[in-house]
Amino acid sequence: MNQLNEKQRKAIKSYAEGNTLLDSGIAAGYAPSCAAQTVSRLLTGKKSKDYLAELNSKADVSMVMSFSQRKTWLSDIMRDTEAPLSERVRCCDILNRCEGRYIQKVEQTIDAPQGGIMLIPVIGDGSLDDWQAVALPQQERSKFETLQSAGIECEVIEVESPY
């Protein structure tokens, strides 16, 4: 690819303006189900990095608040008891988004292989050990219940988990 197309340039420009990957992708015209992933992949290319650097170099740095300044400003509004509650809540929401406090919901239809797919939820500190401690016993119970409902005799044998 020699040049970025208009859609790609629009997505990168939106991202440079401070929008999320998802919002940047949607603004550029990508489908919501793949917008964030597409822009994320796009930003890894050399042409994209060069264009992003060009956009950033054109920004009037003296007029732009730093991230720390924006957080302070939003926090001041949140603490202002004279400000309408809706504005204070909105500032809290913006700060939470800046700090990645929300999980982004992604819906996607996929063709699962025979036997299904496994979704791994984020539990505890997000390590695989935490997930295994919760999921594996549930998985064993589900297997047992499935076998019983199919009329297959089985018994539960307690063993110590290797995890």
N, C-alpha and C. Protein backbone atom coordinates (compact mmCIF):
# COMPACT_ATOMS: atom_id res chain seq x y z
N MET A 1 0.85 -1.17 0.00
CA MET A 1 0.00 0.00 0.00
C MET A 1 0.90 1.24 0.00
N ASN A 2 0.79 2.04 -1.07
CA ASN A 2 1.64 3.22 -1.19
C ASN A 2 1.13 4.40 -0.40
N GLN A 3 -0.17 4.62 -0.43
CA GLN A 3 -0.75 5.77 0.23
C GLN A 3 -1.93 5.33 1.10
N LEU A 4 -2.24 6.16 2.07
CA LEU A 4 -3.44 5.92 2.87
C LEU A 4 -4.64 6.42 2.08
N ASN A 5 -5.73 5.66 2.12
CA ASN A 5 -6.93 6.13 1.43
C ASN A 5 -7.67 7.13 2.33
N GLU A 6 -8.70 7.74 1.81
CA GLU A 6 -9.42 8.79 2.54
C GLU A 6 -10.02 8.26 3.84
N LYS A 7 -10.55 7.06 3.81
CA LYS A 7 -11.16 6.46 5.01
C LYS A 7 -10.10 6.27 6.10
N GLN A 8 -8.94 5.78 5.72
CA GLN A 8 -7.85 5.57 6.67
C GLN A 8 -7.37 6.90 7.25
N ARG A 9 -7.22 7.90 6.40
CA ARG A 9 -6.77 9.22 6.85
C ARG A 9 -7.79 9.82 7.83
N LYS A 10 -9.06 9.63 7.53
CA LYS A 10 -10.12 10.15 8.41
C LYS A 10 -10.08 9.48 9.78
N ALA A 11 -9.86 8.16 9.80
CA ALA A 11 -9.78 7.42 11.06
C ALA A 11 -8.58 7.89 11.89
N ILE A 12 -7.44 8.06 11.24
CA ILE A 12 -6.24 8.49 11.95
C ILE A 12 -6.40 9.92 12.46
N LYS A 13 -7.00 10.78 11.66
CA LYS A 13 -7.22 12.16 12.08
C LYS A 13 -8.14 12.21 13.29
N SER A 14 -9.20 11.41 13.27
CA SER A 14 -10.13 11.36 14.40
C SER A 14 -9.41 10.86 15.66
N TYR A 15 -8.55 9.86 15.50
CA TYR A 15 -7.78 9.34 16.63
C TYR A 15 -6.83 10.41 17.17
N ALA A 16 -6.21 11.14 16.26
CA ALA A 16 -5.27 12.21 16.67
C ALA A 16 -6.00 13.32 17.43
N GLU A 17 -7.29 13.48 17.15
CA GLU A 17 -8.09 14.49 17.83
C GLU A 17 -8.52 14.05 19.23
N GLY A 18 -8.16 12.81 19.59
CA GLY A 18 -8.44 12.34 20.94
C GLY A 18 -9.60 11.38 21.08
N ASN A 19 -10.16 10.96 19.96
CA ASN A 19 -11.27 10.00 20.04
C ASN A 19 -10.74 8.59 20.28
N THR A 20 -11.61 7.73 20.77
CA THR A 20 -11.24 6.34 21.00
C THR A 20 -11.05 5.63 19.67
N LEU A 21 -10.46 4.45 19.71
CA LEU A 21 -10.31 3.65 18.49
C LEU A 21 -11.67 3.37 17.87
N LEU A 22 -12.64 3.00 18.71
CA LEU A 22 -13.98 2.68 18.22
C LEU A 22 -14.62 3.90 17.56
N ASP A 23 -14.62 5.03 18.27
CA ASP A 23 -15.23 6.24 17.73
C ASP A 23 -14.53 6.72 16.46
N SER A 24 -13.21 6.59 16.42
CA SER A 24 -12.46 6.99 15.23
C SER A 24 -12.82 6.12 14.03
N GLY A 25 -12.93 4.83 14.27
CA GLY A 25 -13.30 3.92 13.19
C GLY A 25 -14.70 4.16 12.67
N ILE A 26 -15.64 4.38 13.58
CA ILE A 26 -17.03 4.64 13.17
C ILE A 26 -17.10 5.96 12.41
N ALA A 27 -16.39 6.99 12.89
CA ALA A 27 -16.38 8.29 12.22
C ALA A 27 -15.84 8.17 10.79
N ALA A 28 -14.91 7.25 10.59
CA ALA A 28 -14.32 7.06 9.27
C ALA A 28 -15.20 6.21 8.36
N GLY A 29 -16.19 5.52 8.95
CA GLY A 29 -17.09 4.73 8.14
C GLY A 29 -16.92 3.23 8.25
N TYR A 30 -16.11 2.78 9.21
CA TYR A 30 -15.97 1.35 9.41
C TYR A 30 -17.16 0.83 10.21
N ALA A 31 -17.49 -0.44 10.04
CA ALA A 31 -18.59 -1.05 10.77
C ALA A 31 -18.27 -1.06 12.27
N PRO A 32 -19.26 -0.75 13.12
CA PRO A 32 -19.00 -0.72 14.57
C PRO A 32 -18.44 -2.03 15.11
N SER A 33 -18.79 -3.15 14.51
CA SER A 33 -18.33 -4.45 15.03
C SER A 33 -16.83 -4.67 14.83
N CYS A 34 -16.22 -3.92 13.91
CA CYS A 34 -14.79 -4.12 13.67
C CYS A 34 -14.00 -2.81 13.66
N ALA A 35 -14.66 -1.69 13.99
CA ALA A 35 -14.03 -0.38 13.88
C ALA A 35 -12.78 -0.26 14.75
N ALA A 36 -12.88 -0.63 16.03
CA ALA A 36 -11.74 -0.48 16.94
C ALA A 36 -10.56 -1.34 16.50
N GLN A 37 -10.84 -2.59 16.12
CA GLN A 37 -9.77 -3.48 15.70
C GLN A 37 -9.11 -2.98 14.41
N THR A 38 -9.92 -2.47 13.48
CA THR A 38 -9.39 -1.99 12.21
C THR A 38 -8.47 -0.79 12.42
N VAL A 39 -8.90 0.16 13.24
CA VAL A 39 -8.07 1.35 13.49
C VAL A 39 -6.81 0.96 14.26
N SER A 40 -6.94 0.03 15.20
CA SER A 40 -5.78 -0.42 15.95
C SER A 40 -4.73 -1.01 15.01
N ARG A 41 -5.16 -1.87 14.09
CA ARG A 41 -4.25 -2.46 13.11
C ARG A 41 -3.68 -1.37 12.19
N LEU A 42 -4.54 -0.45 11.78
CA LEU A 42 -4.13 0.63 10.89
C LEU A 42 -3.00 1.45 11.51
N LEU A 43 -3.09 1.73 12.79
CA LEU A 43 -2.10 2.58 13.46
C LEU A 43 -0.73 1.94 13.60
N THR A 44 -0.62 0.66 13.31
CA THR A 44 0.69 -0.01 13.41
C THR A 44 1.54 0.16 12.16
N GLY A 45 0.93 0.60 11.05
CA GLY A 45 1.66 0.74 9.79
C GLY A 45 2.53 1.98 9.74
N LYS A 46 3.60 1.92 8.96
CA LYS A 46 4.53 3.04 8.86
C LYS A 46 3.87 4.28 8.29
N LYS A 47 3.08 4.13 7.23
CA LYS A 47 2.41 5.28 6.62
C LYS A 47 1.47 5.93 7.63
N SER A 48 0.78 5.11 8.42
CA SER A 48 -0.13 5.63 9.43
C SER A 48 0.63 6.38 10.52
N LYS A 49 1.73 5.81 10.96
CA LYS A 49 2.54 6.47 11.99
C LYS A 49 3.08 7.80 11.48
N ASP A 50 3.50 7.82 10.22
CA ASP A 50 4.01 9.06 9.64
C ASP A 50 2.91 10.11 9.57
N TYR A 51 1.71 9.71 9.16
CA TYR A 51 0.60 10.65 9.05
C TYR A 51 0.20 11.16 10.44
N LEU A 52 0.18 10.28 11.42
CA LEU A 52 -0.15 10.68 12.79
C LEU A 52 0.89 11.66 13.32
N ALA A 53 2.16 11.41 13.05
CA ALA A 53 3.23 12.33 13.47
C ALA A 53 3.07 13.68 12.79
N GLU A 54 2.69 13.66 11.52
CA GLU A 54 2.47 14.91 10.78
C GLU A 54 1.32 15.71 11.41
N LEU A 55 0.24 15.03 11.73
CA LEU A 55 -0.91 15.69 12.37
C LEU A 55 -0.51 16.26 13.74
N ASN A 56 0.23 15.48 14.50
CA ASN A 56 0.65 15.94 15.83
C ASN A 56 1.60 17.13 15.75
N SER A 57 2.45 17.15 14.74
CA SER A 57 3.39 18.26 14.60
C SER A 57 2.67 19.56 14.24
N LYS A 58 1.52 19.46 13.60
CA LYS A 58 0.75 20.64 13.21
C LYS A 58 -0.08 21.20 14.36
N ALA A 59 -0.26 20.42 15.40
CA ALA A 59 -1.07 20.87 16.53
C ALA A 59 -0.39 22.05 17.22
N ASP A 60 -1.20 23.00 17.64
CA ASP A 60 -0.68 24.15 18.37
C ASP A 60 -0.50 23.72 19.82
N VAL A 61 0.70 23.29 20.15
CA VAL A 61 0.99 22.71 21.45
C VAL A 61 0.72 23.69 22.59
N SER A 62 0.93 24.96 22.36
CA SER A 62 0.73 25.93 23.44
C SER A 62 -0.74 26.05 23.83
N MET A 63 -1.64 25.67 22.94
CA MET A 63 -3.07 25.78 23.22
C MET A 63 -3.66 24.49 23.79
N VAL A 64 -2.93 23.41 23.71
CA VAL A 64 -3.44 22.11 24.13
C VAL A 64 -3.11 21.85 25.59
N MET A 65 -4.13 21.48 26.36
CA MET A 65 -3.90 21.13 27.77
C MET A 65 -3.24 19.76 27.83
N SER A 66 -2.35 19.58 28.75
CA SER A 66 -1.74 18.27 28.94
C SER A 66 -2.79 17.34 29.56
N PHE A 67 -2.50 16.07 29.53
CA PHE A 67 -3.42 15.09 30.11
C PHE A 67 -3.64 15.39 31.59
N SER A 68 -2.57 15.71 32.28
CA SER A 68 -2.66 16.03 33.71
C SER A 68 -3.52 17.28 33.93
N GLN A 69 -3.35 18.28 33.08
CA GLN A 69 -4.16 19.51 33.20
C GLN A 69 -5.64 19.22 32.95
N ARG A 70 -5.93 18.38 31.96
CA ARG A 70 -7.34 18.02 31.67
C ARG A 70 -7.95 17.27 32.85
N LYS A 71 -7.19 16.34 33.43
CA LYS A 71 -7.70 15.60 34.59
C LYS A 71 -7.99 16.53 35.76
N THR A 72 -7.09 17.47 35.98
CA THR A 72 -7.28 18.43 37.07
C THR A 72 -8.52 19.28 36.81
N TRP A 73 -8.67 19.75 35.60
CA TRP A 73 -9.81 20.58 35.23
C TRP A 73 -11.13 19.83 35.42
N LEU A 74 -11.17 18.58 34.94
CA LEU A 74 -12.38 17.76 35.11
C LEU A 74 -12.65 17.49 36.59
N SER A 75 -11.61 17.24 37.34
CA SER A 75 -11.76 16.99 38.78
C SER A 75 -12.29 18.23 39.50
N ASP A 76 -11.83 19.41 39.09
CA ASP A 76 -12.33 20.65 39.68
C ASP A 76 -13.83 20.82 39.44
N ILE A 77 -14.27 20.50 38.24
CA ILE A 77 -15.70 20.59 37.93
C ILE A 77 -16.48 19.59 38.77
N MET A 78 -15.95 18.38 38.91
CA MET A 78 -16.63 17.36 39.71
C MET A 78 -16.82 17.81 41.16
N ARG A 79 -15.83 18.52 41.70
CA ARG A 79 -15.88 18.95 43.10
C ARG A 79 -16.69 20.23 43.31
N ASP A 80 -17.03 20.91 42.23
CA ASP A 80 -17.76 22.18 42.32
C ASP A 80 -19.23 21.91 42.65
N THR A 81 -19.61 22.18 43.88
CA THR A 81 -20.99 21.91 44.31
C THR A 81 -22.00 22.85 43.64
N GLU A 82 -21.52 23.93 43.04
CA GLU A 82 -22.40 24.86 42.32
C GLU A 82 -22.72 24.35 40.91
N ALA A 83 -21.88 23.48 40.37
CA ALA A 83 -22.10 22.96 39.01
C ALA A 83 -23.28 21.99 39.02
N PRO A 84 -24.04 21.95 37.92
CA PRO A 84 -25.16 21.01 37.85
C PRO A 84 -24.66 19.56 38.01
N LEU A 85 -25.47 18.76 38.66
CA LEU A 85 -25.09 17.36 38.90
C LEU A 85 -24.79 16.63 37.60
N SER A 86 -25.56 16.92 36.55
CA SER A 86 -25.34 16.23 35.26
C SER A 86 -23.93 16.51 34.73
N GLU A 87 -23.43 17.76 34.90
CA GLU A 87 -22.08 18.09 34.45
C GLU A 87 -21.03 17.37 35.29
N ARG A 88 -21.28 17.30 36.59
CA ARG A 88 -20.33 16.65 37.48
C ARG A 88 -20.24 15.15 37.17
N VAL A 89 -21.41 14.53 36.91
CA VAL A 89 -21.43 13.11 36.57
C VAL A 89 -20.73 12.89 35.23
N ARG A 90 -20.96 13.77 34.28
CA ARG A 90 -20.32 13.66 32.97
C ARG A 90 -18.79 13.74 33.10
N CYS A 91 -18.31 14.64 33.93
CA CYS A 91 -16.86 14.75 34.16
C CYS A 91 -16.31 13.47 34.78
N CYS A 92 -17.06 12.91 35.70
CA CYS A 92 -16.64 11.64 36.31
C CYS A 92 -16.56 10.55 35.25
N ASP A 93 -17.55 10.52 34.35
CA ASP A 93 -17.57 9.53 33.28
C ASP A 93 -16.35 9.71 32.37
N ILE A 94 -16.04 10.93 32.01
CA ILE A 94 -14.89 11.20 31.15
C ILE A 94 -13.58 10.77 31.82
N LEU A 95 -13.44 11.08 33.10
CA LEU A 95 -12.23 10.66 33.82
C LEU A 95 -12.12 9.14 33.87
N ASN A 96 -13.24 8.48 34.13
CA ASN A 96 -13.23 7.02 34.16
C ASN A 96 -12.80 6.45 32.81
N ARG A 97 -13.28 7.04 31.73
CA ARG A 97 -12.90 6.56 30.40
C ARG A 97 -11.41 6.80 30.15
N CYS A 98 -10.93 7.96 30.57
CA CYS A 98 -9.50 8.26 30.39
C CYS A 98 -8.61 7.25 31.10
N GLU A 99 -9.09 6.76 32.22
CA GLU A 99 -8.30 5.81 33.01
C GLU A 99 -8.62 4.36 32.65
N GLY A 100 -9.46 4.15 31.64
CA GLY A 100 -9.78 2.79 31.19
C GLY A 100 -10.60 2.00 32.20
N ARG A 101 -11.47 2.68 32.93
CA ARG A 101 -12.27 2.01 33.97
C ARG A 101 -13.44 1.23 33.41
N TYR A 102 -13.79 1.47 32.17
CA TYR A 102 -14.93 0.78 31.58
C TYR A 102 -14.46 -0.31 30.64
N ILE A 103 -15.24 -1.35 30.55
CA ILE A 103 -14.96 -2.42 29.60
C ILE A 103 -15.79 -2.13 28.36
N GLN A 104 -15.16 -2.17 27.22
CA GLN A 104 -15.85 -1.89 25.98
C GLN A 104 -16.57 -3.14 25.50
N LYS A 105 -17.88 -3.01 25.30
CA LYS A 105 -18.69 -4.14 24.85
C LYS A 105 -18.50 -4.29 23.35
N VAL A 106 -18.18 -5.51 22.93
CA VAL A 106 -18.03 -5.81 21.52
C VAL A 106 -18.93 -6.99 21.19
N GLU A 107 -19.78 -6.79 20.21
CA GLU A 107 -20.64 -7.89 19.77
C GLU A 107 -20.18 -8.32 18.39
N GLN A 108 -20.05 -9.63 18.22
CA GLN A 108 -19.61 -10.13 16.94
C GLN A 108 -20.17 -11.53 16.74
N THR A 109 -20.64 -11.81 15.56
CA THR A 109 -21.13 -13.13 15.22
C THR A 109 -19.97 -13.91 14.62
N ILE A 110 -19.75 -15.11 15.13
CA ILE A 110 -18.66 -15.94 14.61
C ILE A 110 -19.17 -17.34 14.33
N ASP A 111 -18.48 -18.02 13.46
CA ASP A 111 -18.77 -19.43 13.20
C ASP A 111 -17.89 -20.24 14.14
N ALA A 112 -18.52 -20.88 15.12
CA ALA A 112 -17.76 -21.65 16.10
C ALA A 112 -17.48 -23.05 15.56
N PRO A 113 -16.29 -23.57 15.82
CA PRO A 113 -16.00 -24.94 15.41
C PRO A 113 -16.85 -25.91 16.22
N GLN A 114 -16.95 -27.14 15.73
CA GLN A 114 -17.73 -28.14 16.47
C GLN A 114 -17.16 -28.25 17.88
N GLY A 115 -18.03 -28.25 18.85
CA GLY A 115 -17.59 -28.29 20.23
C GLY A 115 -17.68 -26.92 20.88
N GLY A 116 -17.91 -25.87 20.07
CA GLY A 116 -18.13 -24.55 20.63
C GLY A 116 -16.85 -23.76 20.83
N ILE A 117 -17.01 -22.68 21.53
CA ILE A 117 -15.89 -21.80 21.84
C ILE A 117 -15.84 -21.59 23.34
N MET A 118 -14.74 -21.07 23.83
CA MET A 118 -14.61 -20.80 25.25
C MET A 118 -14.35 -19.31 25.43
N LEU A 119 -15.18 -18.67 26.22
CA LEU A 119 -14.98 -17.27 26.56
C LEU A 119 -14.34 -17.22 27.93
N ILE A 120 -13.30 -16.44 28.07
CA ILE A 120 -12.60 -16.35 29.34
C ILE A 120 -12.90 -14.99 29.95
N PRO A 121 -13.67 -14.97 31.04
CA PRO A 121 -14.00 -13.69 31.67
C PRO A 121 -12.82 -13.16 32.49
N VAL A 122 -12.84 -11.86 32.72
CA VAL A 122 -11.81 -11.25 33.56
C VAL A 122 -12.27 -11.39 35.00
N ILE A 123 -11.49 -12.09 35.82
CA ILE A 123 -11.83 -12.35 37.21
C ILE A 123 -10.62 -11.98 38.06
N GLY A 124 -10.89 -11.39 39.21
CA GLY A 124 -9.78 -11.04 40.12
C GLY A 124 -8.83 -10.08 39.45
N ASP A 125 -7.54 -10.41 39.48
CA ASP A 125 -6.56 -9.51 38.86
C ASP A 125 -6.38 -9.81 37.37
N GLY A 126 -7.21 -10.71 36.83
CA GLY A 126 -7.18 -10.99 35.41
C GLY A 126 -6.19 -12.06 35.00
N SER A 127 -5.53 -12.68 35.96
CA SER A 127 -4.56 -13.71 35.60
C SER A 127 -5.28 -15.01 35.27
N LEU A 128 -4.61 -15.86 34.52
CA LEU A 128 -5.19 -17.13 34.13
C LEU A 128 -5.45 -18.02 35.34
N ASP A 129 -4.61 -17.91 36.36
CA ASP A 129 -4.81 -18.72 37.57
C ASP A 129 -6.16 -18.40 38.22
N ASP A 130 -6.51 -17.10 38.30
CA ASP A 130 -7.80 -16.72 38.87
C ASP A 130 -8.94 -17.32 38.07
N TRP A 131 -8.83 -17.25 36.74
CA TRP A 131 -9.87 -17.78 35.89
C TRP A 131 -10.01 -19.30 36.07
N GLN A 132 -8.89 -19.98 36.09
CA GLN A 132 -8.93 -21.43 36.22
C GLN A 132 -9.55 -21.85 37.55
N ALA A 133 -9.25 -21.14 38.61
CA ALA A 133 -9.79 -21.49 39.93
C ALA A 133 -11.31 -21.41 39.95
N VAL A 134 -11.88 -20.51 39.16
CA VAL A 134 -13.33 -20.35 39.13
C VAL A 134 -13.96 -21.22 38.04
N ALA A 135 -13.36 -21.21 36.85
CA ALA A 135 -14.00 -21.83 35.70
C ALA A 135 -13.89 -23.35 35.66
N LEU A 136 -12.75 -23.90 36.05
CA LEU A 136 -12.58 -25.35 35.93
C LEU A 136 -13.57 -26.15 36.79
N PRO A 137 -13.80 -25.78 38.06
CA PRO A 137 -14.81 -26.52 38.81
C PRO A 137 -16.20 -26.41 38.18
N GLN A 138 -16.54 -25.24 37.66
CA GLN A 138 -17.83 -25.06 37.01
C GLN A 138 -17.91 -25.93 35.75
N GLN A 139 -16.83 -26.00 35.02
CA GLN A 139 -16.78 -26.81 33.82
C GLN A 139 -17.00 -28.28 34.16
N GLU A 140 -16.38 -28.75 35.23
CA GLU A 140 -16.56 -30.14 35.65
C GLU A 140 -18.01 -30.41 36.07
N ARG A 141 -18.61 -29.47 36.81
CA ARG A 141 -20.02 -29.62 37.20
C ARG A 141 -20.91 -29.70 35.97
N SER A 142 -20.63 -28.87 34.98
CA SER A 142 -21.43 -28.86 33.76
C SER A 142 -21.31 -30.19 33.01
N LYS A 143 -20.10 -30.73 32.94
CA LYS A 143 -19.90 -32.03 32.29
C LYS A 143 -20.70 -33.11 33.02
N PHE A 144 -20.61 -33.09 34.35
CA PHE A 144 -21.31 -34.07 35.17
C PHE A 144 -22.81 -33.98 34.94
N GLU A 145 -23.37 -32.77 34.97
CA GLU A 145 -24.81 -32.58 34.77
C GLU A 145 -25.23 -33.01 33.37
N THR A 146 -24.39 -32.74 32.38
CA THR A 146 -24.71 -33.15 31.00
C THR A 146 -24.75 -34.67 30.88
N LEU A 147 -23.77 -35.33 31.48
CA LEU A 147 -23.75 -36.80 31.44
C LEU A 147 -24.96 -37.38 32.16
N GLN A 148 -25.29 -36.82 33.32
CA GLN A 148 -26.45 -37.31 34.08
C GLN A 148 -27.74 -37.11 33.29
N SER A 149 -27.90 -35.96 32.66
CA SER A 149 -29.13 -35.69 31.90
C SER A 149 -29.23 -36.60 30.68
N ALA A 150 -28.11 -37.11 30.20
CA ALA A 150 -28.11 -38.04 29.07
C ALA A 150 -28.30 -39.48 29.54
N GLY A 151 -28.46 -39.67 30.85
CA GLY A 151 -28.68 -41.00 31.39
C GLY A 151 -27.42 -41.83 31.54
N ILE A 152 -26.28 -41.20 31.53
CA ILE A 152 -25.01 -41.91 31.67
C ILE A 152 -24.63 -41.88 33.14
N GLU A 153 -24.39 -43.07 33.71
CA GLU A 153 -24.02 -43.13 35.11
C GLU A 153 -22.58 -42.68 35.29
N CYS A 154 -22.39 -41.87 36.31
CA CYS A 154 -21.04 -41.40 36.61
C CYS A 154 -21.00 -41.00 38.08
N GLU A 155 -19.82 -40.91 38.60
CA GLU A 155 -19.67 -40.48 39.98
C GLU A 155 -18.61 -39.41 40.07
N VAL A 156 -18.72 -38.58 41.08
CA VAL A 156 -17.77 -37.49 41.27
C VAL A 156 -16.64 -37.99 42.15
N ILE A 157 -15.43 -37.79 41.69
CA ILE A 157 -14.24 -38.13 42.46
C ILE A 157 -13.52 -36.83 42.76
N GLU A 158 -13.35 -36.54 44.04
CA GLU A 158 -12.68 -35.31 44.43
C GLU A 158 -11.18 -35.47 44.28
N VAL A 159 -10.55 -34.60 43.53
CA VAL A 159 -9.10 -34.59 43.39
C VAL A 159 -8.62 -33.16 43.60
N GLU A 160 -7.41 -33.01 44.05
CA GLU A 160 -6.86 -31.69 44.26
C GLU A 160 -6.49 -31.07 42.92
N SER A 161 -6.87 -29.82 42.73
CA SER A 161 -6.58 -29.12 41.48
C SER A 161 -5.10 -28.84 41.37
N PRO A 162 -4.53 -29.03 40.19
CA PRO A 162 -3.10 -28.71 40.00
C PRO A 162 -2.88 -27.20 39.88
N TYR A 163 -3.94 -26.41 39.89
CA TYR A 163 -3.83 -24.96 39.68
C TYR A 163 -3.82 -24.21 40.97
